[in-house]
Structures are given as C-alpha cells and as structure tokens.
N, C-alpha and C. Protein backbone atom coordinates (compact mmCIF):
# COMPACT_ATOMS: atom_id res chain seq x y z
N UNK A 1 0.43 26.29 3.94
CA UNK A 1 1.78 25.98 4.39
C UNK A 1 2.50 25.23 3.27
N UNK A 2 3.72 25.63 3.01
CA UNK A 2 4.52 24.97 1.98
C UNK A 2 5.22 23.76 2.59
N UNK A 3 5.68 22.88 1.71
CA UNK A 3 6.43 21.72 2.16
C UNK A 3 7.68 22.14 2.94
N UNK A 4 8.29 23.26 2.56
CA UNK A 4 9.49 23.74 3.24
C UNK A 4 9.21 24.10 4.69
N UNK A 5 7.96 24.47 5.01
CA UNK A 5 7.58 24.84 6.36
C UNK A 5 6.93 23.68 7.14
N UNK A 6 6.76 22.54 6.51
CA UNK A 6 6.04 21.42 7.10
C UNK A 6 6.91 20.68 8.13
N UNK A 7 6.40 20.59 9.35
CA UNK A 7 7.12 19.90 10.42
C UNK A 7 7.45 18.46 10.04
N UNK A 8 6.49 17.74 9.47
CA UNK A 8 6.73 16.33 9.17
C UNK A 8 7.71 16.17 8.00
N UNK A 9 7.68 17.09 7.04
CA UNK A 9 8.69 17.06 5.96
C UNK A 9 10.08 17.28 6.55
N UNK A 10 10.17 18.14 7.57
CA UNK A 10 11.46 18.38 8.23
C UNK A 10 11.92 17.14 9.00
N UNK A 11 10.99 16.38 9.55
CA UNK A 11 11.35 15.12 10.21
C UNK A 11 11.87 14.14 9.17
N UNK A 12 11.20 14.03 8.04
CA UNK A 12 11.65 13.14 6.96
C UNK A 12 13.06 13.52 6.52
N UNK A 13 13.34 14.82 6.44
CA UNK A 13 14.65 15.31 5.99
C UNK A 13 15.70 15.31 7.11
N UNK A 14 15.34 14.80 8.29
CA UNK A 14 16.23 14.75 9.46
C UNK A 14 16.65 16.15 9.94
N UNK A 15 15.82 17.15 9.66
CA UNK A 15 16.08 18.51 10.14
C UNK A 15 15.48 18.73 11.52
N UNK A 16 14.51 17.91 11.89
CA UNK A 16 13.87 17.95 13.20
C UNK A 16 13.94 16.53 13.76
N UNK A 17 14.40 16.38 15.01
CA UNK A 17 14.51 15.03 15.56
C UNK A 17 13.15 14.41 15.87
N UNK A 18 13.11 13.09 15.78
CA UNK A 18 11.92 12.32 16.12
C UNK A 18 12.37 10.93 16.55
N UNK A 19 11.56 10.29 17.38
CA UNK A 19 11.83 8.91 17.80
C UNK A 19 11.22 7.97 16.78
N UNK A 20 11.99 7.66 15.75
CA UNK A 20 11.52 6.82 14.65
C UNK A 20 11.46 5.36 15.12
N UNK A 21 10.32 4.72 14.84
CA UNK A 21 10.13 3.34 15.26
C UNK A 21 10.03 2.37 14.09
N UNK A 22 9.77 2.90 12.88
CA UNK A 22 9.61 2.03 11.71
C UNK A 22 9.77 2.88 10.47
N UNK A 23 10.35 2.30 9.41
CA UNK A 23 10.56 3.06 8.18
C UNK A 23 10.57 2.11 6.99
N UNK A 24 9.97 2.57 5.89
CA UNK A 24 10.08 1.89 4.60
C UNK A 24 10.64 2.91 3.62
N UNK A 25 10.76 2.53 2.38
CA UNK A 25 11.23 3.47 1.36
C UNK A 25 10.32 4.68 1.24
N UNK A 26 9.00 4.47 1.47
CA UNK A 26 8.04 5.57 1.24
C UNK A 26 7.28 6.02 2.47
N UNK A 27 7.49 5.37 3.62
CA UNK A 27 6.76 5.76 4.83
C UNK A 27 7.71 5.88 6.02
N UNK A 28 7.23 6.60 7.04
CA UNK A 28 7.99 6.80 8.26
C UNK A 28 7.02 6.76 9.43
N UNK A 29 7.43 6.11 10.52
CA UNK A 29 6.60 6.05 11.73
C UNK A 29 7.43 6.52 12.91
N UNK A 30 6.86 7.40 13.72
CA UNK A 30 7.58 7.96 14.86
C UNK A 30 6.61 8.23 15.99
N UNK A 31 7.13 8.27 17.21
CA UNK A 31 6.31 8.48 18.40
C UNK A 31 5.75 9.90 18.44
N UNK A 32 4.49 10.01 18.84
CA UNK A 32 3.85 11.31 19.01
C UNK A 32 4.46 11.99 20.23
N UNK A 33 4.76 13.28 20.13
CA UNK A 33 5.36 14.01 21.25
C UNK A 33 4.35 14.30 22.36
N UNK A 34 3.06 14.15 22.07
CA UNK A 34 2.01 14.36 23.06
C UNK A 34 1.09 13.13 23.05
N UNK A 35 1.59 11.98 23.55
CA UNK A 35 0.83 10.74 23.41
C UNK A 35 -0.51 10.75 24.14
N UNK A 36 -1.50 10.18 23.49
CA UNK A 36 -2.85 10.07 24.04
C UNK A 36 -3.15 8.65 24.52
N UNK A 37 -2.17 7.76 24.39
CA UNK A 37 -2.30 6.37 24.81
C UNK A 37 -0.88 5.85 25.06
N UNK A 38 -0.74 4.73 25.77
CA UNK A 38 0.61 4.19 26.00
C UNK A 38 1.41 4.00 24.70
N UNK A 39 0.74 3.52 23.66
CA UNK A 39 1.35 3.50 22.34
C UNK A 39 0.64 4.55 21.49
N UNK A 40 1.40 5.52 21.01
CA UNK A 40 0.86 6.56 20.12
C UNK A 40 1.95 6.89 19.12
N UNK A 41 1.81 6.32 17.93
CA UNK A 41 2.80 6.46 16.87
C UNK A 41 2.12 7.11 15.67
N UNK A 42 2.81 8.04 15.04
CA UNK A 42 2.31 8.67 13.82
C UNK A 42 2.96 7.99 12.62
N UNK A 43 2.15 7.71 11.61
CA UNK A 43 2.64 7.09 10.37
C UNK A 43 2.36 8.06 9.24
N UNK A 44 3.42 8.38 8.48
CA UNK A 44 3.28 9.36 7.39
C UNK A 44 3.89 8.81 6.12
N UNK A 45 3.40 9.29 4.97
CA UNK A 45 4.16 9.07 3.74
C UNK A 45 5.33 10.06 3.74
N UNK A 46 6.44 9.67 3.19
CA UNK A 46 7.59 10.59 3.15
C UNK A 46 7.32 11.75 2.20
N UNK A 47 6.54 11.51 1.16
CA UNK A 47 6.14 12.60 0.26
C UNK A 47 5.01 13.39 0.92
N UNK A 48 4.95 14.67 0.61
CA UNK A 48 3.98 15.55 1.24
C UNK A 48 2.62 15.47 0.56
N UNK A 49 1.60 15.14 1.35
CA UNK A 49 0.20 15.24 0.96
C UNK A 49 -0.50 15.92 2.12
N UNK A 50 -1.32 16.89 1.83
CA UNK A 50 -1.93 17.72 2.88
C UNK A 50 -2.78 16.90 3.85
N UNK A 51 -3.58 15.98 3.34
CA UNK A 51 -4.50 15.23 4.20
C UNK A 51 -4.85 13.90 3.55
N UNK A 52 -5.71 13.14 4.22
CA UNK A 52 -6.07 11.81 3.72
C UNK A 52 -6.75 11.89 2.35
N UNK A 53 -7.52 12.92 2.12
CA UNK A 53 -8.18 13.08 0.81
C UNK A 53 -7.15 13.26 -0.30
N UNK A 54 -6.14 14.07 -0.05
CA UNK A 54 -5.08 14.28 -1.05
C UNK A 54 -4.29 12.99 -1.28
N UNK A 55 -4.04 12.25 -0.21
CA UNK A 55 -3.33 10.97 -0.36
C UNK A 55 -4.16 9.99 -1.17
N UNK A 56 -5.45 9.91 -0.88
CA UNK A 56 -6.33 9.00 -1.63
C UNK A 56 -6.39 9.37 -3.10
N UNK A 57 -6.38 10.67 -3.41
CA UNK A 57 -6.45 11.12 -4.80
C UNK A 57 -5.16 10.83 -5.55
N UNK A 58 -4.06 10.65 -4.84
CA UNK A 58 -2.77 10.37 -5.49
C UNK A 58 -2.83 9.06 -6.27
N UNK A 59 -3.59 8.07 -5.77
CA UNK A 59 -3.91 6.84 -6.48
C UNK A 59 -2.70 6.10 -7.03
N UNK A 60 -1.72 5.86 -6.19
CA UNK A 60 -0.58 5.06 -6.65
C UNK A 60 -0.14 4.05 -5.59
N UNK A 61 -1.07 3.64 -4.74
CA UNK A 61 -0.80 2.61 -3.76
C UNK A 61 -0.17 3.10 -2.48
N UNK A 62 0.08 4.39 -2.36
CA UNK A 62 0.74 4.91 -1.17
C UNK A 62 -0.17 4.84 0.06
N UNK A 63 -1.46 5.10 -0.10
CA UNK A 63 -2.38 5.00 1.04
C UNK A 63 -2.35 3.58 1.60
N UNK A 64 -2.31 2.60 0.73
CA UNK A 64 -2.22 1.20 1.14
C UNK A 64 -0.93 0.96 1.92
N UNK A 65 0.16 1.52 1.46
CA UNK A 65 1.44 1.33 2.14
C UNK A 65 1.45 2.01 3.52
N UNK A 66 0.82 3.16 3.64
CA UNK A 66 0.72 3.84 4.94
C UNK A 66 -0.04 2.95 5.92
N UNK A 67 -1.14 2.36 5.48
CA UNK A 67 -1.92 1.49 6.37
C UNK A 67 -1.15 0.22 6.70
N UNK A 68 -0.44 -0.35 5.75
CA UNK A 68 0.38 -1.53 6.03
C UNK A 68 1.49 -1.19 7.02
N UNK A 69 2.08 -0.01 6.90
CA UNK A 69 3.09 0.43 7.86
C UNK A 69 2.47 0.56 9.25
N UNK A 70 1.27 1.13 9.32
CA UNK A 70 0.59 1.26 10.61
C UNK A 70 0.38 -0.10 11.25
N UNK A 71 -0.02 -1.09 10.47
CA UNK A 71 -0.21 -2.43 11.02
C UNK A 71 1.12 -3.04 11.46
N UNK A 72 2.17 -2.82 10.69
CA UNK A 72 3.50 -3.32 11.08
C UNK A 72 3.95 -2.69 12.40
N UNK A 73 3.65 -1.42 12.59
CA UNK A 73 3.96 -0.75 13.86
C UNK A 73 3.17 -1.41 14.99
N UNK A 74 1.89 -1.66 14.77
CA UNK A 74 1.06 -2.30 15.80
C UNK A 74 1.63 -3.68 16.16
N UNK A 75 2.08 -4.43 15.16
CA UNK A 75 2.69 -5.73 15.44
C UNK A 75 3.97 -5.55 16.25
N UNK A 76 4.81 -4.64 15.83
CA UNK A 76 6.08 -4.38 16.50
C UNK A 76 5.86 -3.94 17.96
N UNK A 77 4.82 -3.15 18.18
CA UNK A 77 4.52 -2.62 19.51
C UNK A 77 3.73 -3.61 20.38
N UNK A 78 3.32 -4.73 19.81
CA UNK A 78 2.60 -5.75 20.55
C UNK A 78 1.17 -5.38 20.90
N UNK A 79 0.51 -4.60 20.03
CA UNK A 79 -0.86 -4.16 20.33
C UNK A 79 -1.90 -4.70 19.34
N UNK A 80 -1.49 -5.63 18.48
CA UNK A 80 -2.48 -6.20 17.55
C UNK A 80 -3.59 -6.89 18.34
N UNK A 81 -3.21 -7.64 19.35
CA UNK A 81 -4.17 -8.20 20.31
C UNK A 81 -3.93 -7.49 21.63
N UNK A 82 -4.84 -6.88 22.22
CA UNK A 82 -6.28 -6.96 22.08
C UNK A 82 -6.88 -5.99 21.05
N UNK A 83 -6.08 -5.15 20.42
CA UNK A 83 -6.59 -4.26 19.39
C UNK A 83 -5.95 -2.88 19.45
N UNK A 84 -6.08 -2.16 18.36
CA UNK A 84 -5.53 -0.81 18.28
C UNK A 84 -6.44 0.04 17.42
N UNK A 85 -6.25 1.33 17.53
CA UNK A 85 -7.04 2.28 16.75
C UNK A 85 -6.12 2.96 15.74
N UNK A 86 -6.62 3.16 14.53
CA UNK A 86 -5.91 3.90 13.49
C UNK A 86 -6.80 5.06 13.09
N UNK A 87 -6.31 6.30 13.29
CA UNK A 87 -7.12 7.50 13.07
C UNK A 87 -6.40 8.44 12.11
N UNK A 88 -7.14 8.93 11.12
CA UNK A 88 -6.67 9.99 10.22
C UNK A 88 -7.61 11.18 10.39
N UNK A 89 -7.12 12.29 10.92
CA UNK A 89 -7.91 13.51 10.99
C UNK A 89 -7.69 14.26 9.68
N UNK A 90 -8.78 14.66 9.04
CA UNK A 90 -8.68 15.34 7.75
C UNK A 90 -9.37 16.69 7.84
N UNK A 91 -8.55 17.74 7.90
CA UNK A 91 -9.07 19.10 7.97
C UNK A 91 -9.13 19.62 9.39
N UNK A 92 -9.11 20.93 9.54
CA UNK A 92 -9.11 21.54 10.87
C UNK A 92 -10.36 21.22 11.69
N UNK A 93 -11.49 21.05 11.04
CA UNK A 93 -12.72 20.73 11.76
C UNK A 93 -12.69 19.35 12.40
N UNK A 94 -11.79 18.49 11.91
CA UNK A 94 -11.64 17.14 12.46
C UNK A 94 -10.49 17.06 13.44
N UNK A 95 -9.82 18.19 13.66
CA UNK A 95 -8.72 18.20 14.62
C UNK A 95 -7.34 18.06 14.00
N UNK A 96 -7.24 18.11 12.68
CA UNK A 96 -5.90 18.04 12.06
C UNK A 96 -5.16 19.34 12.34
N UNK A 97 -3.97 19.23 12.92
CA UNK A 97 -3.18 20.42 13.24
C UNK A 97 -1.88 20.50 12.46
N UNK A 98 -1.39 19.37 11.97
CA UNK A 98 -0.22 19.36 11.09
C UNK A 98 -0.74 18.91 9.73
N UNK A 99 -0.55 19.74 8.72
CA UNK A 99 -1.16 19.47 7.42
C UNK A 99 -0.22 18.73 6.49
N UNK A 100 0.17 17.56 6.97
CA UNK A 100 0.87 16.50 6.24
C UNK A 100 0.15 15.26 6.71
N UNK A 101 -0.49 14.55 5.81
CA UNK A 101 -1.32 13.41 6.20
C UNK A 101 -0.56 12.50 7.16
N UNK A 102 -1.26 12.08 8.20
CA UNK A 102 -0.65 11.16 9.17
C UNK A 102 -1.73 10.35 9.85
N UNK A 103 -1.42 9.09 10.04
CA UNK A 103 -2.29 8.20 10.79
C UNK A 103 -1.76 8.05 12.19
N UNK A 104 -2.66 8.07 13.15
CA UNK A 104 -2.31 7.85 14.55
C UNK A 104 -2.56 6.38 14.87
N UNK A 105 -1.53 5.65 15.29
CA UNK A 105 -1.67 4.29 15.78
C UNK A 105 -1.74 4.39 17.30
N UNK A 106 -2.88 4.01 17.86
CA UNK A 106 -3.12 4.15 19.30
C UNK A 106 -3.46 2.80 19.91
N UNK A 107 -2.85 2.50 21.03
CA UNK A 107 -3.15 1.25 21.73
C UNK A 107 -2.43 1.16 23.04
N UNK A 108 -2.50 -0.02 23.63
CA UNK A 108 -1.82 -0.25 24.90
C UNK A 108 -2.71 -0.07 26.11
N UNK A 109 -3.96 0.29 25.89
CA UNK A 109 -4.97 0.38 26.95
C UNK A 109 -6.32 0.31 26.26
N UNK A 110 -7.37 0.14 27.03
CA UNK A 110 -8.71 0.14 26.46
C UNK A 110 -9.01 1.49 25.83
N UNK A 111 -9.53 1.48 24.65
CA UNK A 111 -9.88 2.73 23.95
C UNK A 111 -11.39 2.69 23.69
N UNK A 112 -12.12 3.49 24.43
CA UNK A 112 -13.57 3.52 24.31
C UNK A 112 -14.00 4.43 23.17
N UNK A 113 -15.14 4.11 22.57
CA UNK A 113 -15.72 4.97 21.55
C UNK A 113 -17.16 5.21 21.90
N UNK A 114 -17.65 6.41 21.89
CA UNK A 114 -16.87 7.61 21.59
C UNK A 114 -15.93 7.95 22.74
N UNK A 115 -14.85 8.70 22.38
CA UNK A 115 -13.88 9.06 23.42
C UNK A 115 -14.51 9.96 24.47
N UNK A 116 -13.92 9.95 25.64
CA UNK A 116 -14.42 10.85 26.67
C UNK A 116 -14.58 10.17 27.92
C-alpha cells in the first residue's frame, strides 16, 4: 500500500475525519472507531512508517516521541492511575490491519493479560 492509499496518512492530511485528542508537530492521536476499552486512542507519527520495526529503524527520536505522546494522552484521559496498556501490532500475524505504525492506548477498565 502506498502512502497515498494509507488511511492514517489521509487522517493526517485532513482528508478523512477523525476525533483528534492530542497533536504535536510530529505525532497525532485520535479515537479508535472500534474501541476495545472505554479509552481507546491511536497514536501515530505524522510521517508514514509501515510498522514499529520501520519506525525503530528510522532512528531519529520519533519512536520516543510517539511513546511520549501516548503517555500524554493517558494523562489527559485520566488513566495513568490505575494504569493503561500501550500496544503496537507489527505485521498481519500480530493483527496489524492498517499499515501505518500506530500505538493503541487502552484503559478505563481492568485489562487482563492474556486477553480473553
């Protein structure tokens, strides 16, 4: 999939609407359209990277900024206490369905591990 066809790139470009909850110069956070918890926010870099491995290989501090944005979202949403989950699915075998790296910030209820 090219960046031109990427749903999350279209959200960054304001071509597709999203409920944006937090933004920095290089990151964007918006509510998941199919929430799996009371708080379910996706955090993405504005630049396109296919998955967490590609973001890590970029090696310019952006992965750090994505995680800091995720924590800022958790603070804003009031889920730092009692806790929240941050999940990056990398590849189709892990459940990644949109191939623009994104972290899921999940909280607002007890989250058991393993899920189920």
